Amino acid sequence: QDVDDIFISGLKEEGLYDDVWQAGAMLLPVQSVGVMG
């Protein structure tokens, strides 16, 4: 929900929402290595 909200809100803020027919985010059953700090 948090990911989707950032994506959809971003499309609206950038004026891209109406140019897209459908948008959303998928949570994958995959974990990956990353570095934060």
PDB file of all heavy atoms in Angstrom:
ATOM      1  N   GLN A   1       0.837  -1.210   0.000  1.00  0.00           N
ATOM      2  CA  GLN A   1       0.000   0.000   0.000  1.00  0.00           C
ATOM      3  C   GLN A   1       0.870   1.258   0.000  1.00  0.00           C
ATOM      4  O   GLN A   1       0.589   2.210  -0.742  1.00  0.00           O
ATOM      5  CB  GLN A   1      -0.922   0.008   1.218  1.00  0.00           C
ATOM      6  CG  GLN A   1      -2.131  -0.895   1.083  1.00  0.00           C
ATOM      7  CD  GLN A   1      -3.026  -0.846   2.312  1.00  0.00           C
ATOM      8  OE1 GLN A   1      -2.557  -0.567   3.419  1.00  0.00           O
ATOM      9  NE2 GLN A   1      -4.299  -1.123   2.130  1.00  0.00           N
ATOM     10  N   ASP A   2       1.923   1.256   0.804  1.00  0.00           N
ATOM     11  CA  ASP A   2       2.808   2.423   0.875  1.00  0.00           C
ATOM     12  C   ASP A   2       3.546   2.634  -0.452  1.00  0.00           C
ATOM     13  O   ASP A   2       3.684   3.760  -0.928  1.00  0.00           O
ATOM     14  CB  ASP A   2       3.815   2.257   2.016  1.00  0.00           C
ATOM     15  CG  ASP A   2       3.177   2.425   3.384  1.00  0.00           C
ATOM     16  OD1 ASP A   2       2.039   2.933   3.451  1.00  0.00           O
ATOM     17  OD2 ASP A   2       3.808   2.041   4.392  1.00  0.00           O
ATOM     18  N   VAL A   3       4.022   1.531  -1.042  1.00  0.00           N
ATOM     19  CA  VAL A   3       4.713   1.628  -2.335  1.00  0.00           C
ATOM     20  C   VAL A   3       3.770   2.145  -3.405  1.00  0.00           C
ATOM     21  O   VAL A   3       4.086   3.075  -4.163  1.00  0.00           O
ATOM     22  CB  VAL A   3       5.275   0.251  -2.751  1.00  0.00           C
ATOM     23  CG1 VAL A   3       5.792   0.298  -4.188  1.00  0.00           C
ATOM     24  CG2 VAL A   3       6.385  -0.188  -1.807  1.00  0.00           C
ATOM     25  N   ASP A   4       2.583   1.536  -3.488  1.00  0.00           N
ATOM     26  CA  ASP A   4       1.589   1.914  -4.492  1.00  0.00           C
ATOM     27  C   ASP A   4       1.182   3.377  -4.347  1.00  0.00           C
ATOM     28  O   ASP A   4       1.032   4.100  -5.335  1.00  0.00           O
ATOM     29  CB  ASP A   4       0.369   0.993  -4.348  1.00  0.00           C
ATOM     30  CG  ASP A   4      -0.740   1.315  -5.331  1.00  0.00           C
ATOM     31  OD1 ASP A   4      -0.687   0.820  -6.469  1.00  0.00           O
ATOM     32  OD2 ASP A   4      -1.661   2.078  -4.964  1.00  0.00           O
ATOM     33  N   ASP A   5       1.028   3.821  -3.109  1.00  0.00           N
ATOM     34  CA  ASP A   5       0.617   5.205  -2.861  1.00  0.00           C
ATOM     35  C   ASP A   5       1.667   6.192  -3.371  1.00  0.00           C
ATOM     36  O   ASP A   5       1.324   7.216  -3.973  1.00  0.00           O
ATOM     37  CB  ASP A   5       0.392   5.401  -1.356  1.00  0.00           C
ATOM     38  CG  ASP A   5      -0.107   6.791  -1.029  1.00  0.00           C
ATOM     39  OD1 ASP A   5      -1.157   7.192  -1.568  1.00  0.00           O
ATOM     40  OD2 ASP A   5       0.555   7.488  -0.241  1.00  0.00           O
ATOM     41  N   ILE A   6       2.938   5.892  -3.146  1.00  0.00           N
ATOM     42  CA  ILE A   6       4.012   6.770  -3.638  1.00  0.00           C
ATOM     43  C   ILE A   6       4.009   6.801  -5.168  1.00  0.00           C
ATOM     44  O   ILE A   6       4.138   7.867  -5.793  1.00  0.00           O
ATOM     45  CB  ILE A   6       5.379   6.297  -3.107  1.00  0.00           C
ATOM     46  CG1 ILE A   6       5.464   6.552  -1.593  1.00  0.00           C
ATOM     47  CG2 ILE A   6       6.531   7.007  -3.833  1.00  0.00           C
ATOM     48  CD1 ILE A   6       6.677   5.931  -0.928  1.00  0.00           C
ATOM     49  N   PHE A   7       3.832   5.637  -5.806  1.00  0.00           N
ATOM     50  CA  PHE A   7       3.838   5.550  -7.265  1.00  0.00           C
ATOM     51  C   PHE A   7       2.656   6.304  -7.875  1.00  0.00           C
ATOM     52  O   PHE A   7       2.823   7.151  -8.763  1.00  0.00           O
ATOM     53  CB  PHE A   7       3.805   4.070  -7.675  1.00  0.00           C
ATOM     54  CG  PHE A   7       3.929   3.827  -9.153  1.00  0.00           C
ATOM     55  CD1 PHE A   7       4.657   4.664  -9.983  1.00  0.00           C
ATOM     56  CD2 PHE A   7       3.308   2.723  -9.731  1.00  0.00           C
ATOM     57  CE1 PHE A   7       4.776   4.424 -11.347  1.00  0.00           C
ATOM     58  CE2 PHE A   7       3.411   2.469 -11.092  1.00  0.00           C
ATOM     59  CZ  PHE A   7       4.140   3.323 -11.900  1.00  0.00           C
ATOM     60  N   ILE A   8       1.440   6.014  -7.405  1.00  0.00           N
ATOM     61  CA  ILE A   8       0.240   6.643  -7.971  1.00  0.00           C
ATOM     62  C   ILE A   8       0.225   8.147  -7.680  1.00  0.00           C
ATOM     63  O   ILE A   8      -0.102   8.960  -8.564  1.00  0.00           O
ATOM     64  CB  ILE A   8      -1.037   5.978  -7.427  1.00  0.00           C
ATOM     65  CG1 ILE A   8      -1.080   4.485  -7.817  1.00  0.00           C
ATOM     66  CG2 ILE A   8      -2.287   6.685  -7.942  1.00  0.00           C
ATOM     67  CD1 ILE A   8      -1.058   4.215  -9.300  1.00  0.00           C
ATOM     68  N   SER A   9       0.599   8.533  -6.464  1.00  0.00           N
ATOM     69  CA  SER A   9       0.654   9.971  -6.133  1.00  0.00           C
ATOM     70  C   SER A   9       1.673  10.680  -7.010  1.00  0.00           C
ATOM     71  O   SER A   9       1.444  11.808  -7.458  1.00  0.00           O
ATOM     72  CB  SER A   9       1.017  10.160  -4.657  1.00  0.00           C
ATOM     73  OG  SER A   9       0.033   9.610  -3.817  1.00  0.00           O
ATOM     74  N   GLY A  10       2.797  10.023  -7.256  1.00  0.00           N
ATOM     75  CA  GLY A  10       3.820  10.605  -8.121  1.00  0.00           C
ATOM     76  C   GLY A  10       3.323  10.817  -9.538  1.00  0.00           C
ATOM     77  O   GLY A  10       3.596  11.864 -10.152  1.00  0.00           O
ATOM     78  N   LEU A  11       2.583   9.839 -10.079  1.00  0.00           N
ATOM     79  CA  LEU A  11       2.017   9.991 -11.427  1.00  0.00           C
ATOM     80  C   LEU A  11       1.083  11.203 -11.490  1.00  0.00           C
ATOM     81  O   LEU A  11       1.090  11.962 -12.466  1.00  0.00           O
ATOM     82  CB  LEU A  11       1.246   8.723 -11.825  1.00  0.00           C
ATOM     83  CG  LEU A  11       2.081   7.477 -12.144  1.00  0.00           C
ATOM     84  CD1 LEU A  11       1.178   6.249 -12.268  1.00  0.00           C
ATOM     85  CD2 LEU A  11       2.872   7.671 -13.441  1.00  0.00           C
ATOM     86  N   LYS A  12       0.292  11.381 -10.451  1.00  0.00           N
ATOM     87  CA  LYS A  12      -0.635  12.523 -10.420  1.00  0.00           C
ATOM     88  C   LYS A  12       0.122  13.840 -10.286  1.00  0.00           C
ATOM     89  O   LYS A  12      -0.189  14.812 -10.987  1.00  0.00           O
ATOM     90  CB  LYS A  12      -1.631  12.350  -9.267  1.00  0.00           C
ATOM     91  CG  LYS A  12      -2.610  11.195  -9.493  1.00  0.00           C
ATOM     92  CD  LYS A  12      -3.541  11.016  -8.295  1.00  0.00           C
ATOM     93  CE  LYS A  12      -4.530   9.881  -8.559  1.00  0.00           C
ATOM     94  NZ  LYS A  12      -5.417   9.620  -7.399  1.00  0.00           N
ATOM     95  N   GLU A  13       1.100  13.884  -9.412  1.00  0.00           N
ATOM     96  CA  GLU A  13       1.862  15.123  -9.190  1.00  0.00           C
ATOM     97  C   GLU A  13       2.621  15.563 -10.434  1.00  0.00           C
ATOM     98  O   GLU A  13       2.772  16.761 -10.690  1.00  0.00           O
ATOM     99  CB  GLU A  13       2.839  14.913  -8.025  1.00  0.00           C
ATOM    100  CG  GLU A  13       2.156  14.805  -6.667  1.00  0.00           C
ATOM    101  CD  GLU A  13       3.087  14.248  -5.595  1.00  0.00           C
ATOM    102  OE1 GLU A  13       4.303  14.086  -5.895  1.00  0.00           O
ATOM    103  OE2 GLU A  13       2.615  13.965  -4.471  1.00  0.00           O
ATOM    104  N   GLU A  14       3.103  14.594 -11.215  1.00  0.00           N
ATOM    105  CA  GLU A  14       3.879  14.903 -12.421  1.00  0.00           C
ATOM    106  C   GLU A  14       3.009  15.060 -13.660  1.00  0.00           C
ATOM    107  O   GLU A  14       3.519  15.227 -14.769  1.00  0.00           O
ATOM    108  CB  GLU A  14       4.926  13.801 -12.662  1.00  0.00           C
ATOM    109  CG  GLU A  14       5.963  13.659 -11.563  1.00  0.00           C
ATOM    110  CD  GLU A  14       6.895  14.861 -11.491  1.00  0.00           C
ATOM    111  OE1 GLU A  14       7.167  15.465 -12.550  1.00  0.00           O
ATOM    112  OE2 GLU A  14       7.359  15.184 -10.380  1.00  0.00           O
ATOM    113  N   GLY A  15       1.677  14.973 -13.494  1.00  0.00           N
ATOM    114  CA  GLY A  15       0.766  15.117 -14.633  1.00  0.00           C
ATOM    115  C   GLY A  15       0.801  13.943 -15.591  1.00  0.00           C
ATOM    116  O   GLY A  15       0.459  14.089 -16.777  1.00  0.00           O
ATOM    117  N   LEU A  16       1.195  12.761 -15.087  1.00  0.00           N
ATOM    118  CA  LEU A  16       1.320  11.578 -15.938  1.00  0.00           C
ATOM    119  C   LEU A  16       0.153  10.610 -15.772  1.00  0.00           C
ATOM    120  O   LEU A  16      -0.025   9.703 -16.577  1.00  0.00           O
ATOM    121  CB  LEU A  16       2.624  10.829 -15.602  1.00  0.00           C
ATOM    122  CG  LEU A  16       3.924  11.586 -15.880  1.00  0.00           C
ATOM    123  CD1 LEU A  16       5.099  10.852 -15.235  1.00  0.00           C
ATOM    124  CD2 LEU A  16       4.138  11.738 -17.382  1.00  0.00           C
ATOM    125  N   TYR A  17      -0.657  10.795 -14.738  1.00  0.00           N
ATOM    126  CA  TYR A  17      -1.695   9.815 -14.399  1.00  0.00           C
ATOM    127  C   TYR A  17      -2.671   9.585 -15.545  1.00  0.00           C
ATOM    128  O   TYR A  17      -3.001   8.445 -15.875  1.00  0.00           O
ATOM    129  CB  TYR A  17      -2.448  10.280 -13.151  1.00  0.00           C
ATOM    130  CG  TYR A  17      -3.465   9.276 -12.620  1.00  0.00           C
ATOM    131  CD1 TYR A  17      -3.062   8.225 -11.797  1.00  0.00           C
ATOM    132  CD2 TYR A  17      -4.821   9.394 -12.933  1.00  0.00           C
ATOM    133  CE1 TYR A  17      -3.986   7.311 -11.294  1.00  0.00           C
ATOM    134  CE2 TYR A  17      -5.748   8.487 -12.434  1.00  0.00           C
ATOM    135  CZ  TYR A  17      -5.330   7.450 -11.620  1.00  0.00           C
ATOM    136  OH  TYR A  17      -6.247   6.538 -11.139  1.00  0.00           O
ATOM    137  N   ASP A  18      -3.139  10.658 -16.175  1.00  0.00           N
ATOM    138  CA  ASP A  18      -4.140  10.524 -17.238  1.00  0.00           C
ATOM    139  C   ASP A  18      -3.552  10.006 -18.541  1.00  0.00           C
ATOM    140  O   ASP A  18      -4.296   9.662 -19.471  1.00  0.00           O
ATOM    141  CB  ASP A  18      -4.845  11.866 -17.480  1.00  0.00           C
ATOM    142  CG  ASP A  18      -5.725  12.265 -16.300  1.00  0.00           C
ATOM    143  OD1 ASP A  18      -6.149  11.357 -15.557  1.00  0.00           O
ATOM    144  OD2 ASP A  18      -5.973  13.471 -16.118  1.00  0.00           O
ATOM    145  N   ASP A  19      -2.227   9.952 -18.631  1.00  0.00           N
ATOM    146  CA  ASP A  19      -1.580   9.383 -19.819  1.00  0.00           C
ATOM    147  C   ASP A  19      -1.416   7.867 -19.692  1.00  0.00           C
ATOM    148  O   ASP A  19      -1.000   7.206 -20.635  1.00  0.00           O
ATOM    149  CB  ASP A  19      -0.197  10.015 -20.029  1.00  0.00           C
ATOM    150  CG  ASP A  19      -0.286  11.501 -20.322  1.00  0.00           C
ATOM    151  OD1 ASP A  19      -1.310  11.929 -20.886  1.00  0.00           O
ATOM    152  OD2 ASP A  19       0.660  12.231 -19.967  1.00  0.00           O
ATOM    153  N   VAL A  20      -1.705   7.365 -18.510  1.00  0.00           N
ATOM    154  CA  VAL A  20      -1.537   5.934 -18.216  1.00  0.00           C
ATOM    155  C   VAL A  20      -2.913   5.301 -18.064  1.00  0.00           C
ATOM    156  O   VAL A  20      -3.800   5.871 -17.423  1.00  0.00           O
ATOM    157  CB  VAL A  20      -0.728   5.747 -16.911  1.00  0.00           C
ATOM    158  CG1 VAL A  20      -0.678   4.281 -16.488  1.00  0.00           C
ATOM    159  CG2 VAL A  20       0.678   6.309 -17.081  1.00  0.00           C
ATOM    160  N   TRP A  21      -3.116   4.140 -18.671  1.00  0.00           N
ATOM    161  CA  TRP A  21      -4.419   3.471 -18.568  1.00  0.00           C
ATOM    162  C   TRP A  21      -4.553   2.746 -17.228  1.00  0.00           C
ATOM    163  O   TRP A  21      -5.605   2.755 -16.617  1.00  0.00           O
ATOM    164  CB  TRP A  21      -4.594   2.484 -19.718  1.00  0.00           C
ATOM    165  CG  TRP A  21      -5.987   1.958 -19.843  1.00  0.00           C
ATOM    166  CD1 TRP A  21      -7.067   2.617 -20.355  1.00  0.00           C
ATOM    167  CD2 TRP A  21      -6.475   0.670 -19.439  1.00  0.00           C
ATOM    168  NE1 TRP A  21      -8.192   1.821 -20.305  1.00  0.00           N
ATOM    169  CE2 TRP A  21      -7.852   0.618 -19.737  1.00  0.00           C
ATOM    170  CE3 TRP A  21      -5.877  -0.451 -18.853  1.00  0.00           C
ATOM    171  CZ2 TRP A  21      -8.638  -0.500 -19.488  1.00  0.00           C
ATOM    172  CZ3 TRP A  21      -6.669  -1.566 -18.597  1.00  0.00           C
ATOM    173  CH2 TRP A  21      -8.030  -1.579 -18.917  1.00  0.00           C
ATOM    174  N   GLN A  22      -3.471   2.092 -16.805  1.00  0.00           N
ATOM    175  CA  GLN A  22      -3.492   1.388 -15.530  1.00  0.00           C
ATOM    176  C   GLN A  22      -2.078   1.323 -14.972  1.00  0.00           C
ATOM    177  O   GLN A  22      -1.118   1.107 -15.710  1.00  0.00           O
ATOM    178  CB  GLN A  22      -4.032  -0.029 -15.708  1.00  0.00           C
ATOM    179  CG  GLN A  22      -4.200  -0.799 -14.411  1.00  0.00           C
ATOM    180  CD  GLN A  22      -4.948  -2.116 -14.606  1.00  0.00           C
ATOM    181  OE1 GLN A  22      -5.628  -2.302 -15.606  1.00  0.00           O
ATOM    182  NE2 GLN A  22      -4.831  -3.023 -13.651  1.00  0.00           N
ATOM    183  N   ALA A  23      -1.972   1.523 -13.665  1.00  0.00           N
ATOM    184  CA  ALA A  23      -0.663   1.473 -13.020  1.00  0.00           C
ATOM    185  C   ALA A  23      -0.802   0.859 -11.638  1.00  0.00           C
ATOM    186  O   ALA A  23      -1.863   0.920 -11.012  1.00  0.00           O
ATOM    187  CB  ALA A  23      -0.058   2.873 -12.910  1.00  0.00           C
ATOM    188  N   GLY A  24       0.281   0.283 -11.183  1.00  0.00           N
ATOM    189  CA  GLY A  24       0.279  -0.304  -9.846  1.00  0.00           C
ATOM    190  C   GLY A  24       1.638  -0.888  -9.525  1.00  0.00           C
ATOM    191  O   GLY A  24       2.575  -0.818 -10.326  1.00  0.00           O
ATOM    192  N   ALA A  25       1.740  -1.462  -8.352  1.00  0.00           N
ATOM    193  CA  ALA A  25       2.998  -2.061  -7.904  1.00  0.00           C
ATOM    194  C   ALA A  25       2.765  -3.507  -7.505  1.00  0.00           C
ATOM    195  O   ALA A  25       1.671  -3.876  -7.069  1.00  0.00           O
ATOM    196  CB  ALA A  25       3.559  -1.278  -6.724  1.00  0.00           C
ATOM    197  N   MET A  26       3.793  -4.336  -7.693  1.00  0.00           N
ATOM    198  CA  MET A  26       3.741  -5.752  -7.319  1.00  0.00           C
ATOM    199  C   MET A  26       4.818  -6.011  -6.264  1.00  0.00           C
ATOM    200  O   MET A  26       5.963  -5.567  -6.414  1.00  0.00           O
ATOM    201  CB  MET A  26       4.021  -6.661  -8.523  1.00  0.00           C
ATOM    202  CG  MET A  26       3.383  -6.222  -9.832  1.00  0.00           C
ATOM    203  SD  MET A  26       1.596  -6.270  -9.832  1.00  0.00           S
ATOM    204  CE  MET A  26       1.236  -5.125 -11.197  1.00  0.00           C
ATOM    205  N   LEU A  27       4.444  -6.750  -5.212  1.00  0.00           N
ATOM    206  CA  LEU A  27       5.413  -7.163  -4.202  1.00  0.00           C
ATOM    207  C   LEU A  27       5.872  -8.572  -4.560  1.00  0.00           C
ATOM    208  O   LEU A  27       5.076  -9.511  -4.580  1.00  0.00           O
ATOM    209  CB  LEU A  27       4.782  -7.147  -2.808  1.00  0.00           C
ATOM    210  CG  LEU A  27       5.698  -7.532  -1.646  1.00  0.00           C
ATOM    211  CD1 LEU A  27       6.861  -6.554  -1.519  1.00  0.00           C
ATOM    212  CD2 LEU A  27       4.905  -7.584  -0.338  1.00  0.00           C
ATOM    213  N   LEU A  28       7.164  -8.714  -4.865  1.00  0.00           N
ATOM    214  CA  LEU A  28       7.683  -9.987  -5.365  1.00  0.00           C
ATOM    215  C   LEU A  28       8.135 -10.891  -4.222  1.00  0.00           C
ATOM    216  O   LEU A  28       8.585 -10.398  -3.179  1.00  0.00           O
ATOM    217  CB  LEU A  28       8.849  -9.737  -6.315  1.00  0.00           C
ATOM    218  CG  LEU A  28       8.589  -8.741  -7.461  1.00  0.00           C
ATOM    219  CD1 LEU A  28       9.767  -8.736  -8.420  1.00  0.00           C
ATOM    220  CD2 LEU A  28       7.298  -9.067  -8.209  1.00  0.00           C
ATOM    221  N   PRO A  29       8.039 -12.199  -4.407  1.00  0.00           N
ATOM    222  CA  PRO A  29       8.504 -13.146  -3.386  1.00  0.00           C
ATOM    223  C   PRO A  29      10.014 -13.329  -3.474  1.00  0.00           C
ATOM    224  O   PRO A  29      10.546 -14.437  -3.523  1.00  0.00           O
ATOM    225  CB  PRO A  29       7.752 -14.432  -3.743  1.00  0.00           C
ATOM    226  CG  PRO A  29       7.608 -14.361  -5.228  1.00  0.00           C
ATOM    227  CD  PRO A  29       7.436 -12.897  -5.565  1.00  0.00           C
ATOM    228  N   VAL A  30      10.711 -12.200  -3.546  1.00  0.00           N
ATOM    229  CA  VAL A  30      12.164 -12.180  -3.757  1.00  0.00           C
ATOM    230  C   VAL A  30      12.762 -11.177  -2.782  1.00  0.00           C
ATOM    231  O   VAL A  30      12.209 -10.094  -2.593  1.00  0.00           O
ATOM    232  CB  VAL A  30      12.505 -11.742  -5.201  1.00  0.00           C
ATOM    233  CG1 VAL A  30      14.002 -11.578  -5.377  1.00  0.00           C
ATOM    234  CG2 VAL A  30      11.950 -12.724  -6.222  1.00  0.00           C
ATOM    235  N   GLN A  31      13.860 -11.536  -2.194  1.00  0.00           N
ATOM    236  CA  GLN A  31      14.591 -10.571  -1.371  1.00  0.00           C
ATOM    237  C   GLN A  31      15.976 -10.390  -1.965  1.00  0.00           C
ATOM    238  O   GLN A  31      16.547 -11.312  -2.554  1.00  0.00           O
ATOM    239  CB  GLN A  31      14.685 -11.055   0.074  1.00  0.00           C
ATOM    240  CG  GLN A  31      13.328 -10.999   0.780  1.00  0.00           C
ATOM    241  CD  GLN A  31      13.437 -11.271   2.256  1.00  0.00           C
ATOM    242  OE1 GLN A  31      14.056 -12.246   2.664  1.00  0.00           O
ATOM    243  NE2 GLN A  31      12.848 -10.407   3.066  1.00  0.00           N
ATOM    244  N   SER A  32      16.475  -9.186  -1.852  1.00  0.00           N
ATOM    245  CA  SER A  32      17.786  -8.904  -2.443  1.00  0.00           C
ATOM    246  C   SER A  32      18.672  -8.183  -1.433  1.00  0.00           C
ATOM    247  O   SER A  32      18.199  -7.538  -0.495  1.00  0.00           O
ATOM    248  CB  SER A  32      17.617  -8.054  -3.698  1.00  0.00           C
ATOM    249  OG  SER A  32      17.237  -6.737  -3.369  1.00  0.00           O
ATOM    250  N   VAL A  33      19.958  -8.291  -1.685  1.00  0.00           N
ATOM    251  CA  VAL A  33      20.941  -7.654  -0.810  1.00  0.00           C
ATOM    252  C   VAL A  33      21.029  -6.170  -1.142  1.00  0.00           C
ATOM    253  O   VAL A  33      20.988  -5.768  -2.304  1.00  0.00           O
ATOM    254  CB  VAL A  33      22.324  -8.316  -0.984  1.00  0.00           C
ATOM    255  CG1 VAL A  33      23.387  -7.568  -0.189  1.00  0.00           C
ATOM    256  CG2 VAL A  33      22.264  -9.769  -0.561  1.00  0.00           C
ATOM    257  N   GLY A  34      21.133  -5.361  -0.118  1.00  0.00           N
ATOM    258  CA  GLY A  34      21.297  -3.934  -0.317  1.00  0.00           C
ATOM    259  C   GLY A  34      22.168  -3.347   0.785  1.00  0.00           C
ATOM    260  O   GLY A  34      22.555  -4.043   1.730  1.00  0.00           O
ATOM    261  N   VAL A  35      22.484  -2.068   0.646  1.00  0.00           N
ATOM    262  CA  VAL A  35      23.279  -1.376   1.656  1.00  0.00           C
ATOM    263  C   VAL A  35      22.582  -0.071   2.000  1.00  0.00           C
ATOM    264  O   VAL A  35      22.252   0.722   1.114  1.00  0.00           O
ATOM    265  CB  VAL A  35      24.711  -1.073   1.151  1.00  0.00           C
ATOM    266  CG1 VAL A  35      25.483  -0.300   2.208  1.00  0.00           C
ATOM    267  CG2 VAL A  35      25.437  -2.360   0.795  1.00  0.00           C
ATOM    268  N   MET A  36      22.306   0.144   3.272  1.00  0.00           N
ATOM    269  CA  MET A  36      21.733   1.403   3.728  1.00  0.00           C
ATOM    270  C   MET A  36      22.607   1.927   4.848  1.00  0.00           C
ATOM    271  O   MET A  36      22.707   1.303   5.911  1.00  0.00           O
ATOM    272  CB  MET A  36      20.292   1.209   4.197  1.00  0.00           C
ATOM    273  CG  MET A  36      19.314   0.885   3.070  1.00  0.00           C
ATOM    274  SD  MET A  36      17.590   0.856   3.629  1.00  0.00           S
ATOM    275  CE  MET A  36      16.749   0.527   2.080  1.00  0.00           C
ATOM    276  N   GLY A  37      23.253   3.059   4.582  1.00  0.00           N
ATOM    277  CA  GLY A  37      24.244   3.554   5.535  1.00  0.00           C
ATOM    278  C   GLY A  37      25.418   2.582   5.541  1.00  0.00           C
ATOM    279  O   GLY A  37      25.958   2.222   4.503  1.00  0.00           O
TER     280      GLY A  37
END
